C-alpha atoms as a PDB file:
ATOM      1  CA  MET A   1      78.646  71.212  86.537  1.00  0.00           C
ATOM      2  CA  GLY A   2      80.581  72.818  83.765  1.00  0.00           C
ATOM      3  CA  ALA A   3      84.242  73.681  83.541  1.00  0.00           C
ATOM      4  CA  ILE A   4      83.783  77.048  85.278  1.00  0.00           C
ATOM      5  CA  PRO A   5      83.877  76.695  89.050  1.00  0.00           C
ATOM      6  CA  THR A   6      81.390  78.336  91.363  1.00  0.00           C
ATOM      7  CA  PHE A   7      82.339  79.756  94.734  1.00  0.00           C
ATOM      8  CA  GLY A   8      81.445  77.138  97.327  1.00  0.00           C
ATOM      9  CA  GLY A   9      82.742  78.169 100.721  1.00  0.00           C
ATOM     10  CA  VAL A  10      85.389  79.549 103.016  1.00  0.00           C
ATOM     11  CA  ALA A  11      87.123  77.249 105.515  1.00  0.00           C
ATOM     12  CA  PHE A  12      88.536  78.471 108.822  1.00  0.00           C
ATOM     13  CA  ASP A  13      91.219  76.733 110.852  1.00  0.00           C
ATOM     14  CA  CYS A  14      90.225  76.503 114.518  1.00  0.00           C
ATOM     15  CA  PRO A  15      90.601  74.389 117.659  1.00  0.00           C
ATOM     16  CA  ASP A  16      86.901  73.374 117.914  1.00  0.00           C
ATOM     17  CA  PRO A  17      84.890  73.352 114.647  1.00  0.00           C
ATOM     18  CA  ALA A  18      81.491  72.777 116.289  1.00  0.00           C
ATOM     19  CA  ALA A  19      81.935  75.648 118.750  1.00  0.00           C
ATOM     20  CA  LEU A  20      83.108  78.140 116.131  1.00  0.00           C
ATOM     21  CA  ALA A  21      80.360  77.073 113.732  1.00  0.00           C
ATOM     22  CA  GLY A  22      77.910  77.665 116.580  1.00  0.00           C
ATOM     23  CA  PHE A  23      79.190  81.224 117.023  1.00  0.00           C
ATOM     24  CA  TYR A  24      78.733  82.043 113.332  1.00  0.00           C
ATOM     25  CA  ARG A  25      75.342  80.261 113.273  1.00  0.00           C
ATOM     26  CA  SER A  26      74.158  82.564 116.039  1.00  0.00           C
ATOM     27  CA  LEU A  27      75.734  85.621 114.455  1.00  0.00           C
ATOM     28  CA  LEU A  28      74.129  85.016 111.045  1.00  0.00           C
ATOM     29  CA  GLU A  29      70.975  83.272 112.340  1.00  0.00           C
ATOM     30  CA  TRP A  30      71.493  80.305 110.015  1.00  0.00           C
ATOM     31  CA  ALA A  31      70.416  76.705 110.650  1.00  0.00           C
ATOM     32  CA  GLU A  32      72.389  74.342 112.882  1.00  0.00           C
ATOM     33  CA  PRO A  33      75.781  73.364 111.454  1.00  0.00           C
ATOM     34  CA  GLU A  34      76.523  69.955 109.990  1.00  0.00           C
ATOM     35  CA  ILE A  35      79.213  68.347 112.168  1.00  0.00           C
ATOM     36  CA  ALA A  36      81.425  65.520 110.880  1.00  0.00           C
ATOM     37  CA  GLU A  37      81.355  62.291 112.915  1.00  0.00           C
ATOM     38  CA  ASP A  38      84.970  62.783 113.999  1.00  0.00           C
ATOM     39  CA  ASN A  39      84.259  66.418 115.020  1.00  0.00           C
ATOM     40  CA  HIS A  40      87.128  67.633 112.827  1.00  0.00           C
ATOM     41  CA  TRP A  41      84.894  69.547 110.385  1.00  0.00           C
ATOM     42  CA  ALA A  42      81.728  71.618 110.596  1.00  0.00           C
ATOM     43  CA  THR A  43      79.731  73.266 107.807  1.00  0.00           C
ATOM     44  CA  LEU A  44      77.238  76.118 107.883  1.00  0.00           C
ATOM     45  CA  VAL A  45      75.009  76.572 104.857  1.00  0.00           C
ATOM     46  CA  ASP A  46      73.436  79.907 103.973  1.00  0.00           C
ATOM     47  CA  PRO A  47      69.679  79.157 103.905  1.00  0.00           C
ATOM     48  CA  ARG A  48      69.232  81.678 101.078  1.00  0.00           C
ATOM     49  CA  GLY A  49      71.852  79.935  98.936  1.00  0.00           C
ATOM     50  CA  GLY A  50      75.351  81.095  98.227  1.00  0.00           C
ATOM     51  CA  VAL A  51      78.534  80.274 100.077  1.00  0.00           C
ATOM     52  CA  ARG A  52      79.170  77.876 102.928  1.00  0.00           C
ATOM     53  CA  LEU A  53      81.246  78.646 105.996  1.00  0.00           C
ATOM     54  CA  GLU A  54      83.356  75.669 106.965  1.00  0.00           C
ATOM     55  CA  PHE A  55      85.511  75.033 110.005  1.00  0.00           C
ATOM     56  CA  GLN A  56      88.362  72.544 110.343  1.00  0.00           C
ATOM     57  CA  ARG A  57      90.146  71.393 113.483  1.00  0.00           C
ATOM     58  CA  VAL A  58      93.845  72.219 113.511  1.00  0.00           C
ATOM     59  CA  ALA A  59      96.170  70.856 116.179  1.00  0.00           C
ATOM     60  CA  GLY A  60      98.217  73.627 117.770  1.00  0.00           C
ATOM     61  CA  TYR A  61      95.970  76.354 116.348  1.00  0.00           C
ATOM     62  CA  ARG A  62      97.396  79.861 116.814  1.00  0.00           C
ATOM     63  CA  ALA A  63      94.990  82.803 116.617  1.00  0.00           C
ATOM     64  CA  PRO A  64      95.791  85.717 114.299  1.00  0.00           C
ATOM     65  CA  GLU A  65      97.236  88.794 116.003  1.00  0.00           C
ATOM     66  CA  TRP A  66      95.469  91.848 114.655  1.00  0.00           C
ATOM     67  CA  PRO A  67      96.738  94.364 113.627  1.00  0.00           C
ATOM     68  CA  SER A  68     100.197  92.849 114.124  1.00  0.00           C
ATOM     69  CA  GLN A  69     101.519  90.628 111.365  1.00  0.00           C
ATOM     70  CA  ASP A  70     103.448  88.339 113.756  1.00  0.00           C
ATOM     71  CA  THR A  71     100.634  85.818 113.268  1.00  0.00           C
ATOM     72  CA  PRO A  72      98.792  87.273 110.230  1.00  0.00           C
ATOM     73  CA  GLN A  73      95.032  87.157 109.787  1.00  0.00           C
ATOM     74  CA  GLN A  74      95.400  85.743 106.238  1.00  0.00           C
ATOM     75  CA  ALA A  75      91.708  86.452 105.529  1.00  0.00           C
ATOM     76  CA  HIS A  76      88.679  88.027 107.166  1.00  0.00           C
ATOM     77  CA  LEU A  77      84.946  88.344 106.577  1.00  0.00           C
ATOM     78  CA  ASP A  78      83.113  91.585 105.893  1.00  0.00           C
ATOM     79  CA  LEU A  79      79.529  91.328 107.155  1.00  0.00           C
ATOM     80  CA  ASP A  80      77.076  94.035 106.063  1.00  0.00           C
ATOM     81  CA  VAL A  81      74.651  95.610 108.546  1.00  0.00           C
ATOM     82  CA  THR A  82      72.278  98.558 108.419  1.00  0.00           C
ATOM     83  CA  ASP A  83      72.382  99.371 112.158  1.00  0.00           C
ATOM     84  CA  LEU A  84      76.013  99.270 113.242  1.00  0.00           C
ATOM     85  CA  GLU A  85      75.331 100.090 116.897  1.00  0.00           C
ATOM     86  CA  ALA A  86      72.643  97.439 117.355  1.00  0.00           C
ATOM     87  CA  ALA A  87      74.781  94.839 115.555  1.00  0.00           C
ATOM     88  CA  HIS A  88      77.756  95.799 117.737  1.00  0.00           C
ATOM     89  CA  GLN A  89      75.830  95.142 120.952  1.00  0.00           C
ATOM     90  CA  ARG A  90      74.436  91.878 119.589  1.00  0.00           C
ATOM     91  CA  ILE A  91      77.757  90.327 118.559  1.00  0.00           C
ATOM     92  CA  LEU A  92      79.510  91.297 121.776  1.00  0.00           C
ATOM     93  CA  GLY A  93      76.768  89.315 123.532  1.00  0.00           C
ATOM     94  CA  LEU A  94      77.544  86.346 121.293  1.00  0.00           C
ATOM     95  CA  GLY A  95      81.204  86.323 122.317  1.00  0.00           C
ATOM     96  CA  ALA A  96      82.959  88.515 119.749  1.00  0.00           C
ATOM     97  CA  LYS A  97      85.742  90.844 120.884  1.00  0.00           C
ATOM     98  CA  LEU A  98      85.983  94.439 119.629  1.00  0.00           C
ATOM     99  CA  LEU A  99      89.380  95.143 118.039  1.00  0.00           C
ATOM    100  CA  ASP A 100      88.883  98.591 116.455  1.00  0.00           C
ATOM    101  CA  ASP A 101      85.967 101.000 116.523  1.00  0.00           C
ATOM    102  CA  SER A 102      87.768 104.078 115.164  1.00  0.00           C
ATOM    103  CA  PRO A 103      86.382 103.965 111.582  1.00  0.00           C
ATOM    104  CA  GLU A 104      82.988 105.634 111.201  1.00  0.00           C
ATOM    105  CA  THR A 105      81.439 103.128 108.789  1.00  0.00           C
ATOM    106  CA  PHE A 106      82.787  99.790 110.031  1.00  0.00           C
ATOM    107  CA  ARG A 107      84.202  98.056 113.106  1.00  0.00           C
ATOM    108  CA  VAL A 108      86.733  95.259 113.437  1.00  0.00           C
ATOM    109  CA  TYR A 109      86.088  92.310 115.758  1.00  0.00           C
ATOM    110  CA  ALA A 110      87.579  88.913 116.536  1.00  0.00           C
ATOM    111  CA  ASP A 111      85.497  85.756 116.747  1.00  0.00           C
ATOM    112  CA  PRO A 112      85.923  83.578 119.857  1.00  0.00           C
ATOM    113  CA  VAL A 113      89.153  82.024 118.529  1.00  0.00           C
ATOM    114  CA  GLY A 114      90.670  85.224 117.148  1.00  0.00           C
ATOM    115  CA  HIS A 115      89.710  85.409 113.452  1.00  0.00           C
ATOM    116  CA  PRO A 116      89.179  89.068 112.551  1.00  0.00           C
ATOM    117  CA  PHE A 117      85.937  90.104 110.850  1.00  0.00           C
ATOM    118  CA  CYS A 118      84.258  93.430 110.156  1.00  0.00           C
ATOM    119  CA  LEU A 119      80.743  94.729 110.561  1.00  0.00           C
ATOM    120  CA  CYS A 120      80.259  97.162 107.692  1.00  0.00           C
ATOM    121  CA  ALA A 121      77.616  99.859 107.400  1.00  0.00           C
ATOM    122  CA  CYS A 122      79.340 101.352 104.376  1.00  0.00           C
END
């Protein structure tokens, strides 16, 4: 590798890395996550290349409160879809929670431990 970094991954704090990795594996239809022996870290690898999604156990984890800033979201994922309605039904079945469906071109959800993310048909 040279002196210029490449974007490797995004890590999420959570109470159960394997469970949250399993949610995103199902959502994105990626391969099974790699789980650390101590179960404190899980990694999902995009099979087409690109970034990794990583999950780390945090004691006393507190979920973001969206849209309140009392416990801020700090970051969120934007996931592109071409059929917003079909994707909406699918992710609710996987355990996501709808937070806001008022915009016409995207919807805001929370994953099973509260991290906000958007489905975008923009």
